[in-house]
Amino acid sequence: MWKSLVAAVALLAAGGSSYAASAVNKDAQTRTLVVTEGGSKSDLALAAGETVEFCSSGCFVTLPNGDLEALTGSETIEISGGVARIK
């Protein structure tokens, strides 16, 4: 599943999209977001210190605490201390 997600993110990045949400994990352990885009759910695991771009055309994200947020594709999710904040 991880390889599929990496491939999907790479494909979206190569598609020339100028807007995408990003997530940065400032914690020392892996954190997972659940991304629902186009009716399809996938887990987005972020290793310690990792930054990933995703959600180029809007999506829903389930944060580590279980909250569900709608993204338009221009936001940054910052995870620190196990807590996710949208900026």
N, C-alpha and C. Protein backbone atom coordinates (compact mmCIF):
# COMPACT_ATOMS: atom_id res chain seq x y z
N MET A 1 0.83 -1.19 0.00
CA MET A 1 0.00 0.00 0.00
C MET A 1 0.87 1.25 0.00
N TRP A 2 1.97 1.22 0.79
CA TRP A 2 2.85 2.38 0.88
C TRP A 2 3.41 2.74 -0.50
N LYS A 3 3.82 1.72 -1.28
CA LYS A 3 4.37 1.97 -2.61
C LYS A 3 3.33 2.60 -3.52
N SER A 4 2.08 2.15 -3.39
CA SER A 4 1.01 2.72 -4.20
C SER A 4 0.78 4.19 -3.86
N LEU A 5 0.85 4.51 -2.57
CA LEU A 5 0.64 5.89 -2.14
C LEU A 5 1.78 6.78 -2.62
N VAL A 6 3.01 6.29 -2.52
CA VAL A 6 4.16 7.06 -2.99
C VAL A 6 4.05 7.29 -4.49
N ALA A 7 3.64 6.26 -5.22
CA ALA A 7 3.47 6.40 -6.67
C ALA A 7 2.39 7.41 -7.00
N ALA A 8 1.29 7.39 -6.26
CA ALA A 8 0.20 8.34 -6.50
C ALA A 8 0.65 9.76 -6.22
N VAL A 9 1.38 9.95 -5.13
CA VAL A 9 1.88 11.29 -4.80
C VAL A 9 2.84 11.77 -5.88
N ALA A 10 3.72 10.90 -6.34
CA ALA A 10 4.67 11.27 -7.39
C ALA A 10 3.95 11.62 -8.68
N LEU A 11 2.92 10.86 -9.01
CA LEU A 11 2.14 11.14 -10.21
C LEU A 11 1.45 12.49 -10.12
N LEU A 12 0.88 12.80 -8.98
CA LEU A 12 0.23 14.10 -8.79
C LEU A 12 1.24 15.24 -8.89
N ALA A 13 2.40 15.05 -8.32
CA ALA A 13 3.43 16.09 -8.36
C ALA A 13 3.92 16.31 -9.79
N ALA A 14 4.03 15.24 -10.55
CA ALA A 14 4.50 15.34 -11.93
C ALA A 14 3.43 15.91 -12.85
N GLY A 15 2.19 15.91 -12.40
CA GLY A 15 1.08 16.37 -13.23
C GLY A 15 1.04 17.87 -13.42
N GLY A 16 1.95 18.61 -12.81
CA GLY A 16 2.00 20.04 -13.00
C GLY A 16 1.03 20.83 -12.15
N SER A 17 0.44 20.21 -11.20
CA SER A 17 -0.49 20.91 -10.33
C SER A 17 0.26 21.93 -9.49
N SER A 18 -0.24 23.16 -9.47
CA SER A 18 0.47 24.21 -8.75
C SER A 18 0.00 24.33 -7.31
N TYR A 19 -1.08 23.66 -6.94
CA TYR A 19 -1.59 23.73 -5.59
C TYR A 19 -1.73 22.33 -5.02
N ALA A 20 -1.21 22.15 -3.85
CA ALA A 20 -1.37 20.88 -3.15
C ALA A 20 -1.21 21.15 -1.67
N ALA A 21 -1.97 20.43 -0.88
CA ALA A 21 -1.78 20.52 0.57
C ALA A 21 -0.47 19.83 0.90
N SER A 22 0.08 20.17 2.04
CA SER A 22 1.29 19.49 2.48
C SER A 22 1.13 19.13 3.95
N ALA A 23 1.88 18.12 4.35
CA ALA A 23 1.89 17.69 5.75
C ALA A 23 3.34 17.54 6.17
N VAL A 24 3.65 18.05 7.34
CA VAL A 24 5.01 17.91 7.89
C VAL A 24 4.91 17.29 9.28
N ASN A 25 5.73 16.28 9.52
CA ASN A 25 5.74 15.59 10.80
C ASN A 25 6.98 16.05 11.58
N LYS A 26 6.78 16.86 12.59
CA LYS A 26 7.88 17.36 13.41
C LYS A 26 8.15 16.46 14.62
N ASP A 27 7.42 15.36 14.71
CA ASP A 27 7.60 14.42 15.82
C ASP A 27 8.75 13.46 15.53
N ALA A 28 9.18 12.74 16.56
CA ALA A 28 10.26 11.77 16.43
C ALA A 28 9.74 10.38 16.03
N GLN A 29 8.43 10.24 15.90
CA GLN A 29 7.86 8.95 15.49
C GLN A 29 6.91 9.15 14.31
N THR A 30 6.64 8.07 13.61
CA THR A 30 5.76 8.10 12.44
C THR A 30 4.34 8.46 12.86
N ARG A 31 3.71 9.32 12.10
CA ARG A 31 2.30 9.70 12.30
C ARG A 31 1.54 9.38 11.02
N THR A 32 0.26 9.04 11.16
CA THR A 32 -0.54 8.65 10.00
C THR A 32 -1.76 9.54 9.86
N LEU A 33 -2.01 9.98 8.64
CA LEU A 33 -3.22 10.70 8.27
C LEU A 33 -4.01 9.78 7.35
N VAL A 34 -5.34 9.84 7.44
CA VAL A 34 -6.19 9.09 6.51
C VAL A 34 -6.74 10.11 5.52
N VAL A 35 -6.43 9.92 4.25
CA VAL A 35 -6.81 10.86 3.20
C VAL A 35 -7.92 10.24 2.36
N THR A 36 -9.03 10.98 2.19
CA THR A 36 -10.12 10.55 1.32
C THR A 36 -10.21 11.55 0.18
N GLU A 37 -9.91 11.06 -1.01
CA GLU A 37 -9.88 11.92 -2.20
C GLU A 37 -10.55 11.18 -3.34
N GLY A 38 -11.54 11.80 -3.94
CA GLY A 38 -12.24 11.17 -5.05
C GLY A 38 -12.93 9.87 -4.67
N GLY A 39 -13.40 9.77 -3.43
CA GLY A 39 -14.10 8.58 -2.98
C GLY A 39 -13.18 7.44 -2.56
N SER A 40 -11.88 7.66 -2.62
CA SER A 40 -10.92 6.61 -2.28
C SER A 40 -10.14 7.00 -1.01
N LYS A 41 -10.08 6.06 -0.05
CA LYS A 41 -9.36 6.30 1.20
C LYS A 41 -7.98 5.68 1.15
N SER A 42 -6.99 6.38 1.72
CA SER A 42 -5.66 5.81 1.83
C SER A 42 -4.97 6.36 3.07
N ASP A 43 -4.08 5.56 3.62
CA ASP A 43 -3.29 5.99 4.77
C ASP A 43 -2.03 6.69 4.27
N LEU A 44 -1.73 7.83 4.85
CA LEU A 44 -0.53 8.58 4.52
C LEU A 44 0.35 8.59 5.76
N ALA A 45 1.36 7.71 5.77
CA ALA A 45 2.27 7.60 6.91
C ALA A 45 3.43 8.55 6.70
N LEU A 46 3.65 9.42 7.68
CA LEU A 46 4.76 10.37 7.62
C LEU A 46 5.81 9.98 8.65
N ALA A 47 7.00 9.68 8.18
CA ALA A 47 8.11 9.35 9.07
C ALA A 47 8.54 10.60 9.82
N ALA A 48 9.31 10.44 10.86
CA ALA A 48 9.81 11.57 11.64
C ALA A 48 10.55 12.55 10.73
N GLY A 49 10.15 13.81 10.78
CA GLY A 49 10.79 14.86 10.00
C GLY A 49 10.38 14.93 8.54
N GLU A 50 9.51 14.06 8.10
CA GLU A 50 9.12 14.00 6.69
C GLU A 50 8.07 15.05 6.33
N THR A 51 8.16 15.58 5.10
CA THR A 51 7.17 16.49 4.54
C THR A 51 6.67 15.88 3.23
N VAL A 52 5.35 15.86 3.05
CA VAL A 52 4.73 15.26 1.87
C VAL A 52 3.69 16.21 1.31
N GLU A 53 3.62 16.31 -0.01
CA GLU A 53 2.54 17.05 -0.67
C GLU A 53 1.49 16.05 -1.15
N PHE A 54 0.22 16.42 -1.03
CA PHE A 54 -0.88 15.54 -1.40
C PHE A 54 -2.10 16.41 -1.62
N CYS A 55 -3.21 15.82 -2.02
CA CYS A 55 -4.50 16.51 -2.08
C CYS A 55 -4.47 17.72 -3.01
N SER A 56 -4.22 17.48 -4.27
CA SER A 56 -4.12 18.59 -5.23
C SER A 56 -5.46 19.17 -5.64
N SER A 57 -6.54 18.43 -5.44
CA SER A 57 -7.83 18.94 -5.89
C SER A 57 -8.91 18.88 -4.82
N GLY A 58 -8.50 18.99 -3.57
CA GLY A 58 -9.45 18.93 -2.46
C GLY A 58 -9.62 17.51 -1.95
N CYS A 59 -9.76 17.39 -0.65
CA CYS A 59 -9.92 16.07 -0.04
C CYS A 59 -10.37 16.23 1.41
N PHE A 60 -10.63 15.12 2.04
CA PHE A 60 -10.89 15.08 3.46
C PHE A 60 -9.73 14.35 4.12
N VAL A 61 -9.34 14.83 5.30
CA VAL A 61 -8.23 14.22 6.03
C VAL A 61 -8.68 13.92 7.45
N THR A 62 -8.44 12.70 7.89
CA THR A 62 -8.65 12.35 9.29
C THR A 62 -7.32 12.49 9.99
N LEU A 63 -7.28 13.38 10.98
CA LEU A 63 -6.06 13.70 11.71
C LEU A 63 -5.77 12.63 12.76
N PRO A 64 -4.56 12.61 13.31
CA PRO A 64 -4.21 11.59 14.31
C PRO A 64 -5.17 11.51 15.50
N ASN A 65 -5.83 12.61 15.86
CA ASN A 65 -6.76 12.58 17.00
C ASN A 65 -8.17 12.15 16.59
N GLY A 66 -8.39 11.86 15.30
CA GLY A 66 -9.69 11.40 14.83
C GLY A 66 -10.55 12.48 14.21
N ASP A 67 -10.14 13.76 14.31
CA ASP A 67 -10.91 14.84 13.70
C ASP A 67 -10.85 14.74 12.18
N LEU A 68 -11.97 15.04 11.52
CA LEU A 68 -12.07 15.04 10.07
C LEU A 68 -12.08 16.48 9.59
N GLU A 69 -11.19 16.79 8.65
CA GLU A 69 -11.09 18.15 8.12
C GLU A 69 -11.18 18.11 6.60
N ALA A 70 -11.82 19.12 6.01
CA ALA A 70 -11.86 19.27 4.56
C ALA A 70 -10.74 20.20 4.14
N LEU A 71 -10.00 19.80 3.11
CA LEU A 71 -8.90 20.62 2.59
C LEU A 71 -9.19 21.01 1.15
N THR A 72 -8.77 22.20 0.77
CA THR A 72 -8.94 22.65 -0.61
C THR A 72 -7.70 22.36 -1.45
N GLY A 73 -6.58 22.12 -0.80
CA GLY A 73 -5.34 21.82 -1.51
C GLY A 73 -4.27 22.86 -1.29
N SER A 74 -4.54 23.89 -0.49
CA SER A 74 -3.54 24.94 -0.28
C SER A 74 -3.04 24.97 1.17
N GLU A 75 -3.52 24.07 2.01
CA GLU A 75 -3.19 24.10 3.43
C GLU A 75 -1.90 23.33 3.73
N THR A 76 -1.37 23.62 4.93
CA THR A 76 -0.25 22.85 5.46
C THR A 76 -0.69 22.27 6.80
N ILE A 77 -0.53 20.96 6.95
CA ILE A 77 -0.80 20.30 8.22
C ILE A 77 0.54 20.11 8.90
N GLU A 78 0.65 20.62 10.11
CA GLU A 78 1.88 20.47 10.89
C GLU A 78 1.58 19.59 12.09
N ILE A 79 2.32 18.49 12.21
CA ILE A 79 2.14 17.57 13.32
C ILE A 79 3.30 17.74 14.29
N SER A 80 2.96 18.06 15.53
CA SER A 80 3.97 18.25 16.57
C SER A 80 3.38 17.82 17.91
N GLY A 81 4.11 17.00 18.65
CA GLY A 81 3.60 16.51 19.92
C GLY A 81 2.37 15.64 19.77
N GLY A 82 2.22 14.99 18.61
CA GLY A 82 1.06 14.16 18.36
C GLY A 82 -0.19 14.90 17.98
N VAL A 83 -0.09 16.23 17.90
CA VAL A 83 -1.24 17.08 17.59
C VAL A 83 -1.04 17.69 16.19
N ALA A 84 -2.08 17.64 15.37
CA ALA A 84 -2.03 18.22 14.03
C ALA A 84 -2.71 19.58 14.03
N ARG A 85 -2.05 20.54 13.39
CA ARG A 85 -2.61 21.89 13.23
C ARG A 85 -2.62 22.23 11.75
N ILE A 86 -3.71 22.84 11.31
CA ILE A 86 -3.83 23.24 9.90
C ILE A 86 -3.48 24.72 9.81
N LYS A 87 -2.56 25.02 8.92
CA LYS A 87 -2.12 26.40 8.71
C LYS A 87 -2.38 26.83 7.29
